[in-house]
Structure formats: structure tokens, C-alpha cells
PDB file of N, CA and C in Angstrom:
ATOM      1  N   UNK A   1       0.817  -1.195   0.000  1.00  0.00           N
ATOM      2  CA  UNK A   1       0.000   0.000   0.000  1.00  0.00           C
ATOM      3  C   UNK A   1       0.862   1.261   0.000  1.00  0.00           C
ATOM      4  N   UNK A   2       1.828   1.331   0.913  1.00  0.00           N
ATOM      5  CA  UNK A   2       2.695   2.502   0.986  1.00  0.00           C
ATOM      6  C   UNK A   2       3.592   2.576  -0.246  1.00  0.00           C
ATOM      7  N   UNK A   3       4.019   1.411  -0.741  1.00  0.00           N
ATOM      8  CA  UNK A   3       4.856   1.379  -1.944  1.00  0.00           C
ATOM      9  C   UNK A   3       4.084   1.947  -3.139  1.00  0.00           C
ATOM     10  N   UNK A   4       2.812   1.622  -3.230  1.00  0.00           N
ATOM     11  CA  UNK A   4       1.992   2.145  -4.322  1.00  0.00           C
ATOM     12  C   UNK A   4       1.849   3.663  -4.234  1.00  0.00           C
ATOM     13  N   UNK A   5       1.715   4.176  -3.027  1.00  0.00           N
ATOM     14  CA  UNK A   5       1.589   5.629  -2.843  1.00  0.00           C
ATOM     15  C   UNK A   5       2.890   6.329  -3.220  1.00  0.00           C
ATOM     16  N   UNK A   6       4.013   5.759  -2.808  1.00  0.00           N
ATOM     17  CA  UNK A   6       5.305   6.357  -3.144  1.00  0.00           C
ATOM     18  C   UNK A   6       5.519   6.342  -4.654  1.00  0.00           C
ATOM     19  N   UNK A   7       5.207   5.222  -5.295  1.00  0.00           N
ATOM     20  CA  UNK A   7       5.359   5.128  -6.748  1.00  0.00           C
ATOM     21  C   UNK A   7       4.451   6.128  -7.452  1.00  0.00           C
ATOM     22  N   UNK A   8       3.224   6.266  -6.980  1.00  0.00           N
ATOM     23  CA  UNK A   8       2.286   7.203  -7.605  1.00  0.00           C
ATOM     24  C   UNK A   8       2.751   8.649  -7.445  1.00  0.00           C
ATOM     25  N   UNK A   9       3.282   8.991  -6.268  1.00  0.00           N
ATOM     26  CA  UNK A   9       3.784  10.353  -6.040  1.00  0.00           C
ATOM     27  C   UNK A   9       4.972  10.641  -6.951  1.00  0.00           C
ATOM     28  N   UNK A  10       5.888   9.681  -7.082  1.00  0.00           N
ATOM     29  CA  UNK A  10       7.038   9.886  -7.956  1.00  0.00           C
ATOM     30  C   UNK A  10       6.618  10.047  -9.418  1.00  0.00           C
ATOM     31  N   UNK A  11       5.700   9.208  -9.867  1.00  0.00           N
ATOM     32  CA  UNK A  11       5.246   9.292 -11.254  1.00  0.00           C
ATOM     33  C   UNK A  11       4.503  10.599 -11.502  1.00  0.00           C
ATOM     34  N   UNK A  12       3.661  10.999 -10.573  1.00  0.00           N
ATOM     35  CA  UNK A  12       2.919  12.251 -10.732  1.00  0.00           C
ATOM     36  C   UNK A  12       3.857  13.457 -10.711  1.00  0.00           C
ATOM     37  N   UNK A  13       4.818  13.461  -9.804  1.00  0.00           N
ATOM     38  CA  UNK A  13       5.776  14.572  -9.736  1.00  0.00           C
ATOM     39  C   UNK A  13       6.616  14.646 -11.008  1.00  0.00           C
ATOM     40  N   UNK A  14       7.075  13.500 -11.485  1.00  0.00           N
ATOM     41  CA  UNK A  14       7.840  13.480 -12.731  1.00  0.00           C
ATOM     42  C   UNK A  14       7.025  13.942 -13.910  1.00  0.00           C
ATOM     43  N   UNK A  15       5.760  13.572 -13.949  1.00  0.00           N
ATOM     44  CA  UNK A  15       4.885  14.007 -15.037  1.00  0.00           C
ATOM     45  C   UNK A  15       4.668  15.518 -14.998  1.00  0.00           C
ATOM     46  N   UNK A  16       4.520  16.066 -13.804  1.00  0.00           N
ATOM     47  CA  UNK A  16       4.349  17.516 -13.689  1.00  0.00           C
ATOM     48  C   UNK A  16       5.608  18.265 -14.118  1.00  0.00           C
ATOM     49  N   UNK A  17       6.777  17.731 -13.786  1.00  0.00           N
ATOM     50  CA  UNK A  17       8.021  18.364 -14.232  1.00  0.00           C
ATOM     51  C   UNK A  17       8.151  18.315 -15.757  1.00  0.00           C
ATOM     52  N   UNK A  18       7.812  17.183 -16.351  1.00  0.00           N
ATOM     53  CA  UNK A  18       7.862  17.079 -17.808  1.00  0.00           C
ATOM     54  C   UNK A  18       6.854  18.030 -18.452  1.00  0.00           C
ATOM     55  N   UNK A  19       5.702  18.193 -17.820  1.00  0.00           N
ATOM     56  CA  UNK A  19       4.703  19.124 -18.341  1.00  0.00           C
ATOM     57  C   UNK A  19       5.191  20.568 -18.273  1.00  0.00           C
ATOM     58  N   UNK A  20       5.832  20.940 -17.168  1.00  0.00           N
ATOM     59  CA  UNK A  20       6.364  22.302 -17.083  1.00  0.00           C
ATOM     60  C   UNK A  20       7.491  22.513 -18.084  1.00  0.00           C
ATOM     61  N   UNK A  21       8.262  21.469 -18.370  1.00  0.00           N
ATOM     62  CA  UNK A  21       9.296  21.579 -19.400  1.00  0.00           C
ATOM     63  C   UNK A  21       8.665  21.829 -20.761  1.00  0.00           C
ATOM     64  N   UNK A  22       7.569  21.158 -21.050  1.00  0.00           N
ATOM     65  CA  UNK A  22       6.882  21.365 -22.327  1.00  0.00           C
ATOM     66  C   UNK A  22       6.328  22.790 -22.428  1.00  0.00           C
ATOM     67  N   UNK A  23       5.798  23.291 -21.340  1.00  0.00           N
ATOM     68  CA  UNK A  23       5.307  24.671 -21.339  1.00  0.00           C
ATOM     69  C   UNK A  23       6.459  25.640 -21.557  1.00  0.00           C
ATOM     70  N   UNK A  24       7.607  25.384 -20.927  1.00  0.00           N
ATOM     71  CA  UNK A  24       8.772  26.241 -21.099  1.00  0.00           C
ATOM     72  C   UNK A  24       9.276  26.258 -22.528  1.00  0.00           C
ATOM     73  N   UNK A  25       9.239  25.113 -23.193  1.00  0.00           N
ATOM     74  CA  UNK A  25       9.676  25.054 -24.585  1.00  0.00           C
ATOM     75  C   UNK A  25       8.786  25.917 -25.464  1.00  0.00           C
ATOM     76  N   UNK A  26       7.506  25.915 -25.185  1.00  0.00           N
ATOM     77  CA  UNK A  26       6.575  26.708 -25.992  1.00  0.00           C
ATOM     78  C   UNK A  26       6.655  28.195 -25.654  1.00  0.00           C
ATOM     79  N   UNK A  27       6.850  28.514 -24.391  1.00  0.00           N
ATOM     80  CA  UNK A  27       6.747  29.905 -23.947  1.00  0.00           C
ATOM     81  C   UNK A  27       8.035  30.713 -24.010  1.00  0.00           C
ATOM     82  N   UNK A  28       9.201  30.073 -23.847  1.00  0.00           N
ATOM     83  CA  UNK A  28      10.443  30.834 -23.791  1.00  0.00           C
ATOM     84  C   UNK A  28      10.789  31.419 -25.155  1.00  0.00           C
ATOM     85  N   UNK A  29      11.398  32.621 -25.167  1.00  0.00           N
ATOM     86  CA  UNK A  29      11.571  33.347 -26.421  1.00  0.00           C
ATOM     87  C   UNK A  29      12.756  32.910 -27.278  1.00  0.00           C
ATOM     88  N   UNK A  30      13.833  32.410 -26.680  1.00  0.00           N
ATOM     89  CA  UNK A  30      15.013  32.133 -27.492  1.00  0.00           C
ATOM     90  C   UNK A  30      15.463  30.681 -27.325  1.00  0.00           C
ATOM     91  N   UNK A  31      16.399  30.293 -28.179  1.00  0.00           N
ATOM     92  CA  UNK A  31      16.830  28.899 -28.226  1.00  0.00           C
ATOM     93  C   UNK A  31      17.513  28.449 -26.949  1.00  0.00           C
ATOM     94  N   UNK A  32      18.344  29.284 -26.362  1.00  0.00           N
ATOM     95  CA  UNK A  32      19.044  28.877 -25.149  1.00  0.00           C
ATOM     96  C   UNK A  32      18.090  28.659 -23.977  1.00  0.00           C
ATOM     97  N   UNK A  33      17.093  29.503 -23.853  1.00  0.00           N
ATOM     98  CA  UNK A  33      16.092  29.315 -22.796  1.00  0.00           C
ATOM     99  C   UNK A  33      15.279  28.050 -23.039  1.00  0.00           C
ATOM    100  N   UNK A  34      14.928  27.820 -24.283  1.00  0.00           N
ATOM    101  CA  UNK A  34      14.179  26.604 -24.613  1.00  0.00           C
ATOM    102  C   UNK A  34      15.015  25.358 -24.357  1.00  0.00           C
ATOM    103  N   UNK A  35      16.296  25.459 -24.671  1.00  0.00           N
ATOM    104  CA  UNK A  35      17.183  24.337 -24.437  1.00  0.00           C
ATOM    105  C   UNK A  35      17.256  24.019 -22.940  1.00  0.00           C
ATOM    106  N   UNK A  36      17.320  25.040 -22.111  1.00  0.00           N
ATOM    107  CA  UNK A  36      17.334  24.843 -20.667  1.00  0.00           C
ATOM    108  C   UNK A  36      16.053  24.138 -20.212  1.00  0.00           C
ATOM    109  N   UNK A  37      14.920  24.592 -20.734  1.00  0.00           N
ATOM    110  CA  UNK A  37      13.649  23.973 -20.359  1.00  0.00           C
ATOM    111  C   UNK A  37      13.554  22.538 -20.866  1.00  0.00           C
ATOM    112  N   UNK A  38      14.181  22.254 -21.987  1.00  0.00           N
ATOM    113  CA  UNK A  38      14.094  20.907 -22.546  1.00  0.00           C
ATOM    114  C   UNK A  38      15.002  19.916 -21.836  1.00  0.00           C
ATOM    115  N   UNK A  39      16.070  20.383 -21.223  1.00  0.00           N
ATOM    116  CA  UNK A  39      17.015  19.439 -20.636  1.00  0.00           C
ATOM    117  C   UNK A  39      16.853  19.262 -19.138  1.00  0.00           C
ATOM    118  N   UNK A  40      16.773  20.328 -18.399  1.00  0.00           N
ATOM    119  CA  UNK A  40      16.818  20.202 -16.932  1.00  0.00           C
ATOM    120  C   UNK A  40      15.562  19.563 -16.342  1.00  0.00           C
ATOM    121  N   UNK A  41      14.402  20.216 -16.398  1.00  0.00           N
ATOM    122  CA  UNK A  41      13.239  19.610 -15.727  1.00  0.00           C
ATOM    123  C   UNK A  41      12.716  18.362 -16.438  1.00  0.00           C
ATOM    124  N   UNK A  42      12.883  18.291 -17.751  1.00  0.00           N
ATOM    125  CA  UNK A  42      12.383  17.129 -18.472  1.00  0.00           C
ATOM    126  C   UNK A  42      13.175  15.881 -18.092  1.00  0.00           C
ATOM    127  N   UNK A  43      14.482  16.007 -17.988  1.00  0.00           N
ATOM    128  CA  UNK A  43      15.316  14.866 -17.628  1.00  0.00           C
ATOM    129  C   UNK A  43      15.032  14.420 -16.194  1.00  0.00           C
ATOM    130  N   UNK A  44      14.958  15.367 -15.280  1.00  0.00           N
ATOM    131  CA  UNK A  44      14.660  15.020 -13.889  1.00  0.00           C
ATOM    132  C   UNK A  44      13.265  14.414 -13.766  1.00  0.00           C
ATOM    133  N   UNK A  45      12.304  14.951 -14.519  1.00  0.00           N
ATOM    134  CA  UNK A  45      10.952  14.402 -14.505  1.00  0.00           C
ATOM    135  C   UNK A  45      10.915  12.970 -15.009  1.00  0.00           C
ATOM    136  N   UNK A  46      11.661  12.693 -16.075  1.00  0.00           N
ATOM    137  CA  UNK A  46      11.675  11.340 -16.600  1.00  0.00           C
ATOM    138  C   UNK A  46      12.345  10.370 -15.623  1.00  0.00           C
ATOM    139  N   UNK A  47      13.395  10.825 -14.950  1.00  0.00           N
ATOM    140  CA  UNK A  47      14.049   9.975 -13.956  1.00  0.00           C
ATOM    141  C   UNK A  47      13.078   9.647 -12.820  1.00  0.00           C
ATOM    142  N   UNK A  48      12.298  10.631 -12.375  1.00  0.00           N
ATOM    143  CA  UNK A  48      11.308  10.364 -11.327  1.00  0.00           C
ATOM    144  C   UNK A  48      10.256   9.362 -11.790  1.00  0.00           C
ATOM    145  N   UNK A  49       9.791   9.503 -13.029  1.00  0.00           N
ATOM    146  CA  UNK A  49       8.809   8.552 -13.563  1.00  0.00           C
ATOM    147  C   UNK A  49       9.412   7.155 -13.634  1.00  0.00           C
ATOM    148  N   UNK A  50      10.658   7.055 -14.074  1.00  0.00           N
ATOM    149  CA  UNK A  50      11.306   5.746 -14.154  1.00  0.00           C
ATOM    150  C   UNK A  50      11.503   5.124 -12.776  1.00  0.00           C
ATOM    151  N   UNK A  51      11.848   5.924 -11.787  1.00  0.00           N
ATOM    152  CA  UNK A  51      12.001   5.398 -10.423  1.00  0.00           C
ATOM    153  C   UNK A  51      10.653   4.899  -9.899  1.00  0.00           C
ATOM    154  N   UNK A  52       9.586   5.676 -10.146  1.00  0.00           N
ATOM    155  CA  UNK A  52       8.256   5.245  -9.726  1.00  0.00           C
ATOM    156  C   UNK A  52       7.823   3.952 -10.402  1.00  0.00           C
ATOM    157  N   UNK A  53       8.120   3.825 -11.691  1.00  0.00           N
ATOM    158  CA  UNK A  53       7.778   2.596 -12.403  1.00  0.00           C
ATOM    159  C   UNK A  53       8.625   1.428 -11.905  1.00  0.00           C
ATOM    160  N   UNK A  54       9.899   1.698 -11.606  1.00  0.00           N
ATOM    161  CA  UNK A  54      10.777   0.649 -11.083  1.00  0.00           C
ATOM    162  C   UNK A  54      10.272   0.132  -9.743  1.00  0.00           C
ATOM    163  N   UNK A  55       9.824   1.039  -8.886  1.00  0.00           N
ATOM    164  CA  UNK A  55       9.265   0.637  -7.590  1.00  0.00           C
ATOM    165  C   UNK A  55       8.005  -0.195  -7.800  1.00  0.00           C
ATOM    166  N   UNK A  56       7.183   0.212  -8.739  1.00  0.00           N
ATOM    167  CA  UNK A  56       5.923  -0.486  -8.995  1.00  0.00           C
ATOM    168  C   UNK A  56       6.155  -1.881  -9.581  1.00  0.00           C
ATOM    169  N   UNK A  57       7.229  -2.068 -10.360  1.00  0.00           N
ATOM    170  CA  UNK A  57       7.487  -3.371 -10.973  1.00  0.00           C
ATOM    171  C   UNK A  57       7.902  -4.435  -9.961  1.00  0.00           C
ATOM    172  N   UNK A  58       8.528  -4.041  -8.867  1.00  0.00           N
ATOM    173  CA  UNK A  58       8.900  -4.940  -7.766  1.00  0.00           C
ATOM    174  C   UNK A  58       9.631  -6.202  -8.233  1.00  0.00           C
ATOM    175  N   UNK A  59      10.804  -6.034  -8.826  1.00  0.00           N
ATOM    176  CA  UNK A  59      11.630  -7.179  -9.175  1.00  0.00           C
ATOM    177  C   UNK A  59      11.353  -7.794 -10.525  1.00  0.00           C
ATOM    178  N   UNK A  60      10.535  -7.190 -11.342  1.00  0.00           N
ATOM    179  CA  UNK A  60      10.275  -7.687 -12.686  1.00  0.00           C
ATOM    180  C   UNK A  60      11.539  -7.524 -13.530  1.00  0.00           C
ATOM    181  N   UNK A  61      11.802  -8.419 -14.464  1.00  0.00           N
ATOM    182  CA  UNK A  61      13.012  -8.308 -15.286  1.00  0.00           C
ATOM    183  C   UNK A  61      13.112  -7.009 -16.112  1.00  0.00           C
ATOM    184  N   UNK A  62      12.004  -6.371 -16.378  1.00  0.00           N
ATOM    185  CA  UNK A  62      12.039  -5.124 -17.133  1.00  0.00           C
ATOM    186  C   UNK A  62      12.589  -3.953 -16.322  1.00  0.00           C
ATOM    187  N   UNK A  63      12.799  -4.142 -15.038  1.00  0.00           N
ATOM    188  CA  UNK A  63      13.386  -3.088 -14.210  1.00  0.00           C
ATOM    189  C   UNK A  63      14.776  -2.701 -14.671  1.00  0.00           C
ATOM    190  N   UNK A  64      15.531  -3.659 -15.173  1.00  0.00           N
ATOM    191  CA  UNK A  64      16.861  -3.368 -15.703  1.00  0.00           C
ATOM    192  C   UNK A  64      16.813  -2.440 -16.903  1.00  0.00           C
ATOM    193  N   UNK A  65      15.803  -2.585 -17.721  1.00  0.00           N
ATOM    194  CA  UNK A  65      15.653  -1.695 -18.880  1.00  0.00           C
ATOM    195  C   UNK A  65      15.333  -0.273 -18.430  1.00  0.00           C
ATOM    196  N   UNK A  66      14.582  -0.140 -17.350  1.00  0.00           N
ATOM    197  CA  UNK A  66      14.297   1.192 -16.817  1.00  0.00           C
ATOM    198  C   UNK A  66      15.570   1.863 -16.317  1.00  0.00           C
ATOM    199  N   UNK A  67      16.421   1.077 -15.670  1.00  0.00           N
ATOM    200  CA  UNK A  67      17.696   1.616 -15.182  1.00  0.00           C
ATOM    201  C   UNK A  67      18.563   2.050 -16.362  1.00  0.00           C
ATOM    202  N   UNK A  68      18.646   1.231 -17.392  1.00  0.00           N
ATOM    203  CA  UNK A  68      19.427   1.582 -18.581  1.00  0.00           C
ATOM    204  C   UNK A  68      18.874   2.820 -19.280  1.00  0.00           C
ATOM    205  N   UNK A  69      17.561   2.941 -19.335  1.00  0.00           N
ATOM    206  CA  UNK A  69      16.943   4.116 -19.942  1.00  0.00           C
ATOM    207  C   UNK A  69      17.301   5.377 -19.169  1.00  0.00           C
ATOM    208  N   UNK A  70      17.239   5.308 -17.849  1.00  0.00           N
ATOM    209  CA  UNK A  70      17.605   6.457 -17.029  1.00  0.00           C
ATOM    210  C   UNK A  70      19.065   6.837 -17.181  1.00  0.00           C
ATOM    211  N   UNK A  71      19.959   5.850 -17.202  1.00  0.00           N
ATOM    212  CA  UNK A  71      21.379   6.135 -17.384  1.00  0.00           C
ATOM    213  C   UNK A  71      21.659   6.742 -18.758  1.00  0.00           C
ATOM    214  N   UNK A  72      21.023   6.210 -19.779  1.00  0.00           N
ATOM    215  CA  UNK A  72      21.207   6.749 -21.130  1.00  0.00           C
ATOM    216  C   UNK A  72      20.755   8.201 -21.201  1.00  0.00           C
ATOM    217  N   UNK A  73      19.643   8.499 -20.567  1.00  0.00           N
ATOM    218  CA  UNK A  73      19.153   9.879 -20.553  1.00  0.00           C
ATOM    219  C   UNK A  73      20.110  10.800 -19.814  1.00  0.00           C
ATOM    220  N   UNK A  74      20.600  10.371 -18.670  1.00  0.00           N
ATOM    221  CA  UNK A  74      21.524  11.202 -17.901  1.00  0.00           C
ATOM    222  C   UNK A  74      22.846  11.429 -18.625  1.00  0.00           C
ATOM    223  N   UNK A  75      23.257  10.476 -19.446  1.00  0.00           N
ATOM    224  CA  UNK A  75      24.506  10.612 -20.177  1.00  0.00           C
ATOM    225  C   UNK A  75      24.333  11.493 -21.414  1.00  0.00           C
ATOM    226  N   UNK A  76      23.235  11.325 -22.132  1.00  0.00           N
ATOM    227  CA  UNK A  76      23.097  12.014 -23.417  1.00  0.00           C
ATOM    228  C   UNK A  76      22.502  13.417 -23.334  1.00  0.00           C
ATOM    229  N   UNK A  77      21.659  13.702 -22.375  1.00  0.00           N
ATOM    230  CA  UNK A  77      20.998  15.017 -22.322  1.00  0.00           C
ATOM    231  C   UNK A  77      21.988  16.177 -22.205  1.00  0.00           C
ATOM    232  N   UNK A  78      22.994  16.126 -21.336  1.00  0.00           N
ATOM    233  CA  UNK A  78      23.940  17.250 -21.279  1.00  0.00           C
ATOM    234  C   UNK A  78      24.760  17.405 -22.558  1.00  0.00           C
ATOM    235  N   UNK A  79      25.097  16.288 -23.191  1.00  0.00           N
ATOM    236  CA  UNK A  79      25.884  16.352 -24.429  1.00  0.00           C
ATOM    237  C   UNK A  79      25.071  17.010 -25.535  1.00  0.00           C
ATOM    238  N   UNK A  80      23.825  16.617 -25.669  1.00  0.00           N
ATOM    239  CA  UNK A  80      22.963  17.202 -26.694  1.00  0.00           C
ATOM    240  C   UNK A  80      22.753  18.690 -26.427  1.00  0.00           C
ATOM    241  N   UNK A  81      22.532  19.056 -25.176  1.00  0.00           N
ATOM    242  CA  UNK A  81      22.334  20.472 -24.842  1.00  0.00           C
ATOM    243  C   UNK A  81      23.574  21.299 -25.165  1.00  0.00           C
ATOM    244  N   UNK A  82      24.754  20.749 -24.886  1.00  0.00           N
ATOM    245  CA  UNK A  82      25.985  21.474 -25.196  1.00  0.00           C
ATOM    246  C   UNK A  82      26.149  21.641 -26.702  1.00  0.00           C
ATOM    247  N   UNK A  83      25.841  20.611 -27.451  1.00  0.00           N
ATOM    248  CA  UNK A  83      25.988  20.692 -28.919  1.00  0.00           C
ATOM    249  C   UNK A  83      24.983  21.675 -29.516  1.00  0.00           C
ATOM    250  N   UNK A  84      23.761  21.686 -29.021  1.00  0.00           N
ATOM    251  CA  UNK A  84      22.769  22.642 -29.526  1.00  0.00           C
ATOM    252  C   UNK A  84      23.185  24.066 -29.176  1.00  0.00           C
ATOM    253  N   UNK A  85      23.668  24.275 -27.959  1.00  0.00           N
ATOM    254  CA  UNK A  85      24.134  25.606 -27.569  1.00  0.00           C
ATOM    255  C   UNK A  85      25.293  26.080 -28.425  1.00  0.00           C
ATOM    256  N   UNK A  86      26.227  25.204 -28.723  1.00  0.00           N
ATOM    257  CA  UNK A  86      27.365  25.564 -29.568  1.00  0.00           C
ATOM    258  C   UNK A  86      26.908  25.862 -30.995  1.00  0.00           C
ATOM    259  N   UNK A  87      25.943  25.102 -31.507  1.00  0.00           N
ATOM    260  CA  UNK A  87      25.422  25.360 -32.849  1.00  0.00           C
ATOM    261  C   UNK A  87      24.734  26.714 -32.916  1.00  0.00           C
ATOM    262  N   UNK A  88      23.953  27.038 -31.905  1.00  0.00           N
ATOM    263  CA  UNK A  88      23.279  28.338 -31.866  1.00  0.00           C
ATOM    264  C   UNK A  88      24.312  29.457 -31.837  1.00  0.00           C
ATOM    265  N   UNK A  89      25.374  29.264 -31.069  1.00  0.00           N
ATOM    266  CA  UNK A  89      26.435  30.276 -30.999  1.00  0.00           C
ATOM    267  C   UNK A  89      27.117  30.445 -32.357  1.00  0.00           C
ATOM    268  N   UNK A  90      27.454  29.334 -33.005  1.00  0.00           N
ATOM    269  CA  UNK A  90      28.134  29.409 -34.303  1.00  0.00           C
ATOM    270  C   UNK A  90      27.275  30.053 -35.372  1.00  0.00           C
ATOM    271  N   UNK A  91      26.000  29.800 -35.332  1.00  0.00           N
ATOM    272  CA  UNK A  91      25.081  30.369 -36.325  1.00  0.00           C
ATOM    273  C   UNK A  91      24.703  31.806 -35.999  1.00  0.00           C
ATOM    274  N   UNK A  92      25.214  32.325 -34.891  1.00  0.00           N
ATOM    275  CA  UNK A  92      24.920  33.688 -34.447  1.00  0.00           C
ATOM    276  C   UNK A  92      23.416  33.909 -34.310  1.00  0.00           C
ATOM    277  N   UNK A  93      22.728  32.902 -33.808  1.00  0.00           N
ATOM    278  CA  UNK A  93      21.281  32.983 -33.638  1.00  0.00           C
ATOM    279  C   UNK A  93      20.897  33.444 -32.236  1.00  0.00           C
ATOM    280  N   UNK A  94      21.848  33.964 -31.495  1.00  0.00           N
ATOM    281  CA  UNK A  94      21.563  34.464 -30.159  1.00  0.00           C
ATOM    282  C   UNK A  94      20.897  35.827 -30.242  1.00  0.00           C
ATOM    283  N   UNK A  95      20.024  36.076 -29.323  1.00  0.00           N
ATOM    284  CA  UNK A  95      19.440  37.411 -29.238  1.00  0.00           C
ATOM    285  C   UNK A  95      20.472  38.401 -28.729  1.00  0.00           C
ATOM    286  N   UNK A  96      20.228  39.670 -28.931  1.00  0.00           N
ATOM    287  CA  UNK A  96      21.198  40.689 -28.542  1.00  0.00           C
ATOM    288  C   UNK A  96      21.381  40.774 -27.031  1.00  0.00           C
ATOM    289  N   UNK A  97      20.336  40.538 -26.275  1.00  0.00           N
ATOM    290  CA  UNK A  97      20.410  40.691 -24.827  1.00  0.00           C
ATOM    291  C   UNK A  97      20.466  39.354 -24.096  1.00  0.00           C
ATOM    292  N   UNK A  98      20.721  38.271 -24.816  1.00  0.00           N
ATOM    293  CA  UNK A  98      20.744  36.962 -24.175  1.00  0.00           C
ATOM    294  C   UNK A  98      22.064  36.728 -23.438  1.00  0.00           C
ATOM    295  N   UNK A  99      23.164  37.091 -24.068  1.00  0.00           N
ATOM    296  CA  UNK A  99      24.485  36.855 -23.495  1.00  0.00           C
ATOM    297  C   UNK A  99      25.111  38.188 -23.117  1.00  0.00           C
ATOM    298  N   UNK A 100      25.475  38.338 -21.841  1.00  0.00           N
ATOM    299  CA  UNK A 100      26.111  39.567 -21.387  1.00  0.00           C
ATOM    300  C   UNK A 100      27.600  39.590 -21.723  1.00  0.00           C
ATOM    301  N   UNK A 101      28.253  38.455 -21.576  1.00  0.00           N
ATOM    302  CA  UNK A 101      29.684  38.358 -21.772  1.00  0.00           C
ATOM    303  C   UNK A 101      29.978  37.167 -22.674  1.00  0.00           C
ATOM    304  N   UNK A 102      30.709  37.392 -23.738  1.00  0.00           N
ATOM    305  CA  UNK A 102      30.984  36.350 -24.717  1.00  0.00           C
ATOM    306  C   UNK A 102      32.320  35.685 -24.405  1.00  0.00           C
ATOM    307  N   UNK A 103      32.290  34.575 -23.679  1.00  0.00           N
ATOM    308  CA  UNK A 103      33.503  33.865 -23.302  1.00  0.00           C
ATOM    309  C   UNK A 103      34.108  33.092 -24.475  1.00  0.00           C
ATOM    310  N   UNK A 104      33.310  32.721 -25.443  1.00  0.00           N
ATOM    311  CA  UNK A 104      33.803  31.921 -26.547  1.00  0.00           C
ATOM    312  C   UNK A 104      34.455  32.754 -27.640  1.00  0.00           C
ATOM    313  N   UNK A 105      34.237  34.046 -27.659  1.00  0.00           N
ATOM    314  CA  UNK A 105      34.800  34.889 -28.716  1.00  0.00           C
ATOM    315  C   UNK A 105      36.326  34.888 -28.666  1.00  0.00           C
ATOM    316  N   UNK A 106      36.913  34.852 -27.499  1.00  0.00           N
ATOM    317  CA  UNK A 106      38.367  34.860 -27.366  1.00  0.00           C
ATOM    318  C   UNK A 106      38.983  33.530 -27.804  1.00  0.00           C
ATOM    319  N   UNK A 107      38.176  32.458 -27.762  1.00  0.00           N
ATOM    320  CA  UNK A 107      38.686  31.135 -28.120  1.00  0.00           C
ATOM    321  C   UNK A 107      38.429  30.786 -29.571  1.00  0.00           C
ATOM    322  N   UNK A 108      37.751  31.647 -30.325  1.00  0.00           N
ATOM    323  CA  UNK A 108      37.400  31.398 -31.737  1.00  0.00           C
ATOM    324  C   UNK A 108      36.634  30.096 -31.912  1.00  0.00           C
ATOM    325  N   UNK A 109      35.616  29.919 -31.109  1.00  0.00           N
ATOM    326  CA  UNK A 109      34.813  28.706 -31.210  1.00  0.00           C
ATOM    327  C   UNK A 109      33.671  28.976 -32.099  1.00  0.00           C
TER     328      UNK A 109
END
């Protein structure tokens, strides 16, 4: 009974975080802000959903796949965000007031 409540709370909390990430992607004005909304709360929300599902499975063999899915997400999300940010910088698609100090200009990136 308590395990079901904990799993439900984790899944619901993760779903709400993913929902706020989706709202942020639609509402934020520039690519860097959208990228932040797409990576941070969405990844944490998915990890919470996976933990809740793992608790609910209680030793089922598919629990290992949930762990692998969570690890893959944690490994790839920061890399993708960094590559998208670098692409936006190279294409000069930044807004005028988005970046106060250009650290990459001195490095010719």
C-alpha cells in the first residue's frame, strides 16, 4: 500500500516536471532558454517517472531496462544540450540581450 503511494507520487511529480518543461519550450523566447527547459526539468521528470515505475514493478526483469533508460538519458541530455548551444552560438542565432559576456569569442569557437 505505501509502496503504491510512493510510486504514484514519484510518477505524478515526474509528469508535472515534464509538463512544465513542455510549457517552457513553448513559452520561452530564445533557443538557449528553450534548451534549458528541454534538458533540466524534463530529464529530472523522466528519472522520477522511471524510479516510480521501477518501484511499482517490484523485481520484474524489465526493471533493468528502466535503469538503462535512465542512465542513457543522464549521459546524453547534457551532451545534446551542449551541442545545440554551440550550434546556436556558431550560427549567431543568439538574441542581442541573451548573453552579457561572450567567453567563446576569445577562443574562436
